[in-house]
Amino acid sequence: MIPCNIVKSCLSAAYVERAKFLGSDGWKEQLLEVIDADQLPAFLGGKRTDSDGNPLCIKSVSSTNRPGKFLCSYFCNLFKLWKPN
């Protein structure tokens, strides 16, 4: 995890204490501890897919009226991971 150590060296000690840095093993299980499998895209270990079965959920997070804009509700559970002071 050398790249991770490089990133950690650029972050404040307070942030590093609050953040979780996941390795190549067990990261899917840790994500599922904080995000419901029904909300997590299939490519990240969850059950969510687009209406056409795409595991990347591209249609779920973008709008035809606002291409490239992400839906806030899609990522709301991620805020449970980050709690500012």
PDB file of N, CA and C in Angstrom:
ATOM      1  N   MET A   1       0.816  -1.198   0.000  1.00  0.00           N
ATOM      2  CA  MET A   1       0.000   0.000   0.000  1.00  0.00           C
ATOM      3  C   MET A   1       0.855   1.255   0.000  1.00  0.00           C
ATOM      4  N   ILE A   2       1.882   1.265  -0.788  1.00  0.00           N
ATOM      5  CA  ILE A   2       2.775   2.419  -0.856  1.00  0.00           C
ATOM      6  C   ILE A   2       2.030   3.673  -1.315  1.00  0.00           C
ATOM      7  N   PRO A   3       1.191   3.626  -2.379  1.00  0.00           N
ATOM      8  CA  PRO A   3       0.475   4.851  -2.756  1.00  0.00           C
ATOM      9  C   PRO A   3      -0.381   5.391  -1.615  1.00  0.00           C
ATOM     10  N   CYS A   4      -0.981   4.514  -0.837  1.00  0.00           N
ATOM     11  CA  CYS A   4      -1.799   4.940   0.291  1.00  0.00           C
ATOM     12  C   CYS A   4      -0.943   5.671   1.321  1.00  0.00           C
ATOM     13  N   ASN A   5       0.245   5.184   1.574  1.00  0.00           N
ATOM     14  CA  ASN A   5       1.139   5.840   2.527  1.00  0.00           C
ATOM     15  C   ASN A   5       1.555   7.223   2.042  1.00  0.00           C
ATOM     16  N   ILE A   6       1.716   7.372   0.738  1.00  0.00           N
ATOM     17  CA  ILE A   6       2.056   8.681   0.177  1.00  0.00           C
ATOM     18  C   ILE A   6       0.897   9.646   0.406  1.00  0.00           C
ATOM     19  N   VAL A   7      -0.322   9.181   0.156  1.00  0.00           N
ATOM     20  CA  VAL A   7      -1.503  10.026   0.363  1.00  0.00           C
ATOM     21  C   VAL A   7      -1.636  10.385   1.839  1.00  0.00           C
ATOM     22  N   LYS A   8      -1.460   9.412   2.712  1.00  0.00           N
ATOM     23  CA  LYS A   8      -1.573   9.664   4.152  1.00  0.00           C
ATOM     24  C   LYS A   8      -0.602  10.746   4.610  1.00  0.00           C
ATOM     25  N   SER A   9       0.587  10.768   4.023  1.00  0.00           N
ATOM     26  CA  SER A   9       1.582  11.754   4.445  1.00  0.00           C
ATOM     27  C   SER A   9       1.167  13.177   4.090  1.00  0.00           C
ATOM     28  N   CYS A  10       0.244  13.329   3.140  1.00  0.00           N
ATOM     29  CA  CYS A  10      -0.232  14.654   2.730  1.00  0.00           C
ATOM     30  C   CYS A  10      -1.449  15.114   3.526  1.00  0.00           C
ATOM     31  N   LEU A  11      -2.022  14.237   4.336  1.00  0.00           N
ATOM     32  CA  LEU A  11      -3.232  14.547   5.085  1.00  0.00           C
ATOM     33  C   LEU A  11      -2.896  14.908   6.525  1.00  0.00           C
ATOM     34  N   SER A  12      -3.792  15.649   7.133  1.00  0.00           N
ATOM     35  CA  SER A  12      -3.593  15.996   8.538  1.00  0.00           C
ATOM     36  C   SER A  12      -3.758  14.750   9.405  1.00  0.00           C
ATOM     37  N   ALA A  13      -3.110  14.752  10.546  1.00  0.00           N
ATOM     38  CA  ALA A  13      -3.190  13.621  11.467  1.00  0.00           C
ATOM     39  C   ALA A  13      -4.625  13.401  11.937  1.00  0.00           C
ATOM     40  N   ALA A  14      -5.382  14.482  12.141  1.00  0.00           N
ATOM     41  CA  ALA A  14      -6.775  14.365  12.578  1.00  0.00           C
ATOM     42  C   ALA A  14      -7.618  13.655  11.522  1.00  0.00           C
ATOM     43  N   TYR A  15      -7.378  13.948  10.260  1.00  0.00           N
ATOM     44  CA  TYR A  15      -8.139  13.288   9.194  1.00  0.00           C
ATOM     45  C   TYR A  15      -7.758  11.813   9.087  1.00  0.00           C
ATOM     46  N   VAL A  16      -6.483  11.513   9.167  1.00  0.00           N
ATOM     47  CA  VAL A  16      -6.022  10.128   9.055  1.00  0.00           C
ATOM     48  C   VAL A  16      -6.623   9.275  10.168  1.00  0.00           C
ATOM     49  N   GLU A  17      -6.789   9.854  11.368  1.00  0.00           N
ATOM     50  CA  GLU A  17      -7.389   9.125  12.478  1.00  0.00           C
ATOM     51  C   GLU A  17      -8.848   8.785  12.211  1.00  0.00           C
ATOM     52  N   ARG A  18      -9.587   9.683  11.536  1.00  0.00           N
ATOM     53  CA  ARG A  18     -11.010   9.475  11.265  1.00  0.00           C
ATOM     54  C   ARG A  18     -11.265   8.633  10.030  1.00  0.00           C
ATOM     55  N   ALA A  19     -10.353   8.654   9.076  1.00  0.00           N
ATOM     56  CA  ALA A  19     -10.558   7.976   7.796  1.00  0.00           C
ATOM     57  C   ALA A  19     -10.234   6.490   7.903  1.00  0.00           C
ATOM     58  N   LYS A  20     -10.887   5.716   7.037  1.00  0.00           N
ATOM     59  CA  LYS A  20     -10.562   4.295   6.922  1.00  0.00           C
ATOM     60  C   LYS A  20      -9.861   4.099   5.592  1.00  0.00           C
ATOM     61  N   PHE A  21      -8.682   3.529   5.629  1.00  0.00           N
ATOM     62  CA  PHE A  21      -7.948   3.218   4.423  1.00  0.00           C
ATOM     63  C   PHE A  21      -8.035   1.711   4.221  1.00  0.00           C
ATOM     64  N   LEU A  22      -8.706   1.308   3.165  1.00  0.00           N
ATOM     65  CA  LEU A  22      -8.981  -0.106   2.933  1.00  0.00           C
ATOM     66  C   LEU A  22      -7.952  -0.713   1.990  1.00  0.00           C
ATOM     67  N   GLY A  23      -7.535  -1.926   2.303  1.00  0.00           N
ATOM     68  CA  GLY A  23      -6.597  -2.643   1.461  1.00  0.00           C
ATOM     69  C   GLY A  23      -7.315  -3.406   0.361  1.00  0.00           C
ATOM     70  N   SER A  24      -6.611  -4.300  -0.282  1.00  0.00           N
ATOM     71  CA  SER A  24      -7.193  -5.046  -1.403  1.00  0.00           C
ATOM     72  C   SER A  24      -8.068  -6.207  -0.939  1.00  0.00           C
ATOM     73  N   ASP A  25      -7.997  -6.571   0.314  1.00  0.00           N
ATOM     74  CA  ASP A  25      -8.818  -7.656   0.856  1.00  0.00           C
ATOM     75  C   ASP A  25      -9.797  -7.118   1.881  1.00  0.00           C
ATOM     76  N   GLY A  26     -11.030  -7.585   1.820  1.00  0.00           N
ATOM     77  CA  GLY A  26     -12.029  -7.256   2.824  1.00  0.00           C
ATOM     78  C   GLY A  26     -12.706  -5.909   2.669  1.00  0.00           C
ATOM     79  N   TRP A  27     -12.393  -5.153   1.621  1.00  0.00           N
ATOM     80  CA  TRP A  27     -12.984  -3.828   1.481  1.00  0.00           C
ATOM     81  C   TRP A  27     -14.467  -3.880   1.162  1.00  0.00           C
ATOM     82  N   LYS A  28     -14.904  -4.895   0.409  1.00  0.00           N
ATOM     83  CA  LYS A  28     -16.333  -4.984   0.086  1.00  0.00           C
ATOM     84  C   LYS A  28     -17.158  -5.217   1.346  1.00  0.00           C
ATOM     85  N   GLU A  29     -16.679  -6.063   2.214  1.00  0.00           N
ATOM     86  CA  GLU A  29     -17.388  -6.343   3.456  1.00  0.00           C
ATOM     87  C   GLU A  29     -17.481  -5.092   4.324  1.00  0.00           C
ATOM     88  N   GLN A  30     -16.396  -4.306   4.350  1.00  0.00           N
ATOM     89  CA  GLN A  30     -16.404  -3.085   5.157  1.00  0.00           C
ATOM     90  C   GLN A  30     -17.364  -2.045   4.585  1.00  0.00           C
ATOM     91  N   LEU A  31     -17.452  -1.969   3.255  1.00  0.00           N
ATOM     92  CA  LEU A  31     -18.433  -1.068   2.648  1.00  0.00           C
ATOM     93  C   LEU A  31     -19.852  -1.485   3.016  1.00  0.00           C
ATOM     94  N   LEU A  32     -20.108  -2.792   2.995  1.00  0.00           N
ATOM     95  CA  LEU A  32     -21.444  -3.288   3.296  1.00  0.00           C
ATOM     96  C   LEU A  32     -21.829  -3.096   4.765  1.00  0.00           C
ATOM     97  N   GLU A  33     -20.868  -2.814   5.620  1.00  0.00           N
ATOM     98  CA  GLU A  33     -21.168  -2.516   7.012  1.00  0.00           C
ATOM     99  C   GLU A  33     -21.810  -1.141   7.166  1.00  0.00           C
ATOM    100  N   VAL A  34     -21.539  -0.220   6.237  1.00  0.00           N
ATOM    101  CA  VAL A  34     -22.056   1.144   6.351  1.00  0.00           C
ATOM    102  C   VAL A  34     -23.038   1.524   5.244  1.00  0.00           C
ATOM    103  N   ILE A  35     -23.101   0.729   4.182  1.00  0.00           N
ATOM    104  CA  ILE A  35     -24.012   1.008   3.074  1.00  0.00           C
ATOM    105  C   ILE A  35     -24.841  -0.235   2.812  1.00  0.00           C
ATOM    106  N   ASP A  36     -26.163  -0.073   2.724  1.00  0.00           N
ATOM    107  CA  ASP A  36     -27.035  -1.201   2.422  1.00  0.00           C
ATOM    108  C   ASP A  36     -26.672  -1.806   1.076  1.00  0.00           C
ATOM    109  N   ALA A  37     -26.711  -3.127   0.986  1.00  0.00           N
ATOM    110  CA  ALA A  37     -26.391  -3.821  -0.265  1.00  0.00           C
ATOM    111  C   ALA A  37     -27.333  -3.399  -1.384  1.00  0.00           C
ATOM    112  N   ASP A  38     -28.578  -3.057  -1.036  1.00  0.00           N
ATOM    113  CA  ASP A  38     -29.543  -2.610  -2.047  1.00  0.00           C
ATOM    114  C   ASP A  38     -29.182  -1.246  -2.627  1.00  0.00           C
ATOM    115  N   GLN A  39     -28.388  -0.458  -1.914  1.00  0.00           N
ATOM    116  CA  GLN A  39     -27.983   0.864  -2.371  1.00  0.00           C
ATOM    117  C   GLN A  39     -26.601   0.883  -3.016  1.00  0.00           C
ATOM    118  N   LEU A  40     -25.792  -0.115  -2.721  1.00  0.00           N
ATOM    119  CA  LEU A  40     -24.419  -0.173  -3.227  1.00  0.00           C
ATOM    120  C   LEU A  40     -24.396  -0.819  -4.618  1.00  0.00           C
ATOM    121  N   PRO A  41     -23.735  -0.197  -5.599  1.00  0.00           N
ATOM    122  CA  PRO A  41     -23.675  -0.779  -6.940  1.00  0.00           C
ATOM    123  C   PRO A  41     -23.046  -2.175  -6.924  1.00  0.00           C
ATOM    124  N   ALA A  42     -23.504  -3.000  -7.849  1.00  0.00           N
ATOM    125  CA  ALA A  42     -23.037  -4.389  -7.915  1.00  0.00           C
ATOM    126  C   ALA A  42     -21.525  -4.477  -8.111  1.00  0.00           C
ATOM    127  N   PHE A  43     -20.933  -3.545  -8.842  1.00  0.00           N
ATOM    128  CA  PHE A  43     -19.487  -3.622  -9.073  1.00  0.00           C
ATOM    129  C   PHE A  43     -18.687  -3.335  -7.811  1.00  0.00           C
ATOM    130  N   LEU A  44     -19.353  -2.804  -6.776  1.00  0.00           N
ATOM    131  CA  LEU A  44     -18.694  -2.572  -5.494  1.00  0.00           C
ATOM    132  C   LEU A  44     -19.089  -3.599  -4.443  1.00  0.00           C
ATOM    133  N   GLY A  45     -19.799  -4.644  -4.871  1.00  0.00           N
ATOM    134  CA  GLY A  45     -20.168  -5.711  -3.953  1.00  0.00           C
ATOM    135  C   GLY A  45     -21.607  -5.675  -3.486  1.00  0.00           C
ATOM    136  N   GLY A  46     -22.369  -4.701  -3.954  1.00  0.00           N
ATOM    137  CA  GLY A  46     -23.777  -4.597  -3.576  1.00  0.00           C
ATOM    138  C   GLY A  46     -24.685  -5.315  -4.551  1.00  0.00           C
ATOM    139  N   LYS A  47     -25.967  -4.963  -4.481  1.00  0.00           N
ATOM    140  CA  LYS A  47     -26.974  -5.603  -5.329  1.00  0.00           C
ATOM    141  C   LYS A  47     -27.574  -4.651  -6.361  1.00  0.00           C
ATOM    142  N   ARG A  48     -27.249  -3.377  -6.294  1.00  0.00           N
ATOM    143  CA  ARG A  48     -27.891  -2.377  -7.151  1.00  0.00           C
ATOM    144  C   ARG A  48     -27.370  -2.436  -8.584  1.00  0.00           C
ATOM    145  N   THR A  49     -28.304  -2.406  -9.530  1.00  0.00           N
ATOM    146  CA  THR A  49     -27.990  -2.305 -10.957  1.00  0.00           C
ATOM    147  C   THR A  49     -28.944  -1.301 -11.587  1.00  0.00           C
ATOM    148  N   ASP A  50     -28.616  -0.867 -12.803  1.00  0.00           N
ATOM    149  CA  ASP A  50     -29.529  -0.018 -13.565  1.00  0.00           C
ATOM    150  C   ASP A  50     -30.732  -0.819 -14.004  1.00  0.00           C
ATOM    151  N   SER A  51     -31.704  -0.118 -14.553  1.00  0.00           N
ATOM    152  CA  SER A  51     -32.896  -0.793 -15.080  1.00  0.00           C
ATOM    153  C   SER A  51     -32.541  -1.747 -16.216  1.00  0.00           C
ATOM    154  N   ASP A  52     -31.414  -1.500 -16.882  1.00  0.00           N
ATOM    155  CA  ASP A  52     -30.980  -2.397 -17.955  1.00  0.00           C
ATOM    156  C   ASP A  52     -29.971  -3.435 -17.466  1.00  0.00           C
ATOM    157  N   GLY A  53     -29.740  -3.509 -16.151  1.00  0.00           N
ATOM    158  CA  GLY A  53     -28.840  -4.512 -15.587  1.00  0.00           C
ATOM    159  C   GLY A  53     -27.384  -4.102 -15.489  1.00  0.00           C
ATOM    160  N   ASN A  54     -27.059  -2.872 -15.824  1.00  0.00           N
ATOM    161  CA  ASN A  54     -25.684  -2.391 -15.777  1.00  0.00           C
ATOM    162  C   ASN A  54     -25.228  -2.276 -14.320  1.00  0.00           C
ATOM    163  N   PRO A  55     -24.173  -3.015 -13.906  1.00  0.00           N
ATOM    164  CA  PRO A  55     -23.713  -2.966 -12.512  1.00  0.00           C
ATOM    165  C   PRO A  55     -23.029  -1.652 -12.144  1.00  0.00           C
ATOM    166  N   LEU A  56     -22.707  -0.811 -13.116  1.00  0.00           N
ATOM    167  CA  LEU A  56     -22.074   0.478 -12.833  1.00  0.00           C
ATOM    168  C   LEU A  56     -23.082   1.554 -12.457  1.00  0.00           C
ATOM    169  N   CYS A  57     -24.381   1.281 -12.679  1.00  0.00           N
ATOM    170  CA  CYS A  57     -25.469   2.186 -12.275  1.00  0.00           C
ATOM    171  C   CYS A  57     -25.349   3.581 -12.879  1.00  0.00           C
ATOM    172  N   ILE A  58     -24.911   3.662 -14.105  1.00  0.00           N
ATOM    173  CA  ILE A  58     -24.723   4.963 -14.743  1.00  0.00           C
ATOM    174  C   ILE A  58     -26.047   5.709 -14.886  1.00  0.00           C
ATOM    175  N   LYS A  59     -27.117   5.005 -15.249  1.00  0.00           N
ATOM    176  CA  LYS A  59     -28.416   5.661 -15.382  1.00  0.00           C
ATOM    177  C   LYS A  59     -28.967   6.098 -14.036  1.00  0.00           C
ATOM    178  N   SER A  60     -28.619   5.418 -12.982  1.00  0.00           N
ATOM    179  CA  SER A  60     -29.130   5.744 -11.655  1.00  0.00           C
ATOM    180  C   SER A  60     -28.527   7.021 -11.098  1.00  0.00           C
ATOM    181  N   VAL A  61     -27.319   7.365 -11.482  1.00  0.00           N
ATOM    182  CA  VAL A  61     -26.641   8.514 -10.896  1.00  0.00           C
ATOM    183  C   VAL A  61     -26.569   9.722 -11.806  1.00  0.00           C
ATOM    184  N   SER A  62     -27.103   9.616 -13.012  1.00  0.00           N
ATOM    185  CA  SER A  62     -27.083  10.777 -13.896  1.00  0.00           C
ATOM    186  C   SER A  62     -28.488  11.050 -14.407  1.00  0.00           C
ATOM    187  N   SER A  63     -28.690  12.230 -14.848  1.00  0.00           N
ATOM    188  CA  SER A  63     -29.991  12.644 -15.350  1.00  0.00           C
ATOM    189  C   SER A  63     -29.836  13.112 -16.791  1.00  0.00           C
ATOM    190  N   THR A  64     -30.824  12.825 -17.622  1.00  0.00           N
ATOM    191  CA  THR A  64     -30.749  13.273 -19.010  1.00  0.00           C
ATOM    192  C   THR A  64     -30.867  14.784 -19.091  1.00  0.00           C
ATOM    193  N   ASN A  65     -31.532  15.404 -18.105  1.00  0.00           N
ATOM    194  CA  ASN A  65     -31.647  16.868 -18.086  1.00  0.00           C
ATOM    195  C   ASN A  65     -30.369  17.527 -17.602  1.00  0.00           C
ATOM    196  N   ARG A  66     -29.605  16.817 -16.793  1.00  0.00           N
ATOM    197  CA  ARG A  66     -28.369  17.369 -16.234  1.00  0.00           C
ATOM    198  C   ARG A  66     -27.264  16.334 -16.363  1.00  0.00           C
ATOM    199  N   PRO A  67     -26.747  16.105 -17.558  1.00  0.00           N
ATOM    200  CA  PRO A  67     -25.705  15.082 -17.714  1.00  0.00           C
ATOM    201  C   PRO A  67     -24.522  15.345 -16.797  1.00  0.00           C
ATOM    202  N   GLY A  68     -24.044  14.290 -16.186  1.00  0.00           N
ATOM    203  CA  GLY A  68     -22.886  14.401 -15.335  1.00  0.00           C
ATOM    204  C   GLY A  68     -23.184  14.796 -13.899  1.00  0.00           C
ATOM    205  N   LYS A  69     -24.417  15.170 -13.597  1.00  0.00           N
ATOM    206  CA  LYS A  69     -24.778  15.535 -12.224  1.00  0.00           C
ATOM    207  C   LYS A  69     -25.179  14.266 -11.476  1.00  0.00           C
ATOM    208  N   PHE A  70     -24.689  14.112 -10.269  1.00  0.00           N
ATOM    209  CA  PHE A  70     -24.996  12.936  -9.468  1.00  0.00           C
ATOM    210  C   PHE A  70     -26.191  13.212  -8.573  1.00  0.00           C
ATOM    211  N   LEU A  71     -27.007  12.195  -8.388  1.00  0.00           N
ATOM    212  CA  LEU A  71     -28.140  12.318  -7.489  1.00  0.00           C
ATOM    213  C   LEU A  71     -27.657  12.215  -6.051  1.00  0.00           C
ATOM    214  N   CYS A  72     -28.044  13.165  -5.249  1.00  0.00           N
ATOM    215  CA  CYS A  72     -27.614  13.190  -3.853  1.00  0.00           C
ATOM    216  C   CYS A  72     -28.081  11.945  -3.114  1.00  0.00           C
ATOM    217  N   SER A  73     -29.300  11.494  -3.387  1.00  0.00           N
ATOM    218  CA  SER A  73     -29.835  10.349  -2.650  1.00  0.00           C
ATOM    219  C   SER A  73     -29.027   9.081  -2.891  1.00  0.00           C
ATOM    220  N   TYR A  74     -28.364   8.997  -4.024  1.00  0.00           N
ATOM    221  CA  TYR A  74     -27.577   7.810  -4.338  1.00  0.00           C
ATOM    222  C   TYR A  74     -26.397   7.653  -3.384  1.00  0.00           C
ATOM    223  N   PHE A  75     -25.824   8.763  -2.976  1.00  0.00           N
ATOM    224  CA  PHE A  75     -24.627   8.728  -2.151  1.00  0.00           C
ATOM    225  C   PHE A  75     -24.863   9.126  -0.694  1.00  0.00           C
ATOM    226  N   CYS A  76     -26.119   9.267  -0.274  1.00  0.00           N
ATOM    227  CA  CYS A  76     -26.383   9.782   1.072  1.00  0.00           C
ATOM    228  C   CYS A  76     -25.797   8.895   2.157  1.00  0.00           C
ATOM    229  N   ASN A  77     -25.753   7.582   1.969  1.00  0.00           N
ATOM    230  CA  ASN A  77     -25.195   6.710   2.995  1.00  0.00           C
ATOM    231  C   ASN A  77     -23.694   6.874   3.145  1.00  0.00           C
ATOM    232  N   LEU A  78     -23.022   7.386   2.125  1.00  0.00           N
ATOM    233  CA  LEU A  78     -21.577   7.585   2.230  1.00  0.00           C
ATOM    234  C   LEU A  78     -21.222   8.621   3.286  1.00  0.00           C
ATOM    235  N   PHE A  79     -22.159   9.544   3.567  1.00  0.00           N
ATOM    236  CA  PHE A  79     -21.876  10.568   4.564  1.00  0.00           C
ATOM    237  C   PHE A  79     -21.776   9.981   5.962  1.00  0.00           C
ATOM    238  N   LYS A  80     -22.252   8.762   6.158  1.00  0.00           N
ATOM    239  CA  LYS A  80     -22.098   8.109   7.445  1.00  0.00           C
ATOM    240  C   LYS A  80     -20.625   7.798   7.716  1.00  0.00           C
ATOM    241  N   LEU A  81     -19.837   7.663   6.663  1.00  0.00           N
ATOM    242  CA  LEU A  81     -18.416   7.367   6.805  1.00  0.00           C
ATOM    243  C   LEU A  81     -17.625   8.578   7.278  1.00  0.00           C
ATOM    244  N   TRP A  82     -18.076   9.764   6.899  1.00  0.00           N
ATOM    245  CA  TRP A  82     -17.325  10.986   7.171  1.00  0.00           C
ATOM    246  C   TRP A  82     -18.137  11.873   8.107  1.00  0.00           C
ATOM    247  N   LYS A  83     -17.599  12.116   9.259  1.00  0.00           N
ATOM    248  CA  LYS A  83     -18.290  12.962  10.235  1.00  0.00           C
ATOM    249  C   LYS A  83     -17.348  14.078  10.644  1.00  0.00           C
ATOM    250  N   PRO A  84     -17.588  15.283  10.115  1.00  0.00           N
ATOM    251  CA  PRO A  84     -16.703  16.398  10.465  1.00  0.00           C
ATOM    252  C   PRO A  84     -16.878  16.814  11.921  1.00  0.00           C
ATOM    253  N   ASN A  85     -15.877  17.479  12.446  1.00  0.00           N
ATOM    254  CA  ASN A  85     -15.947  17.969  13.840  1.00  0.00           C
ATOM    255  C   ASN A  85     -16.935  19.093  13.949  1.00  0.00           C
TER     256      ASN A  85
END
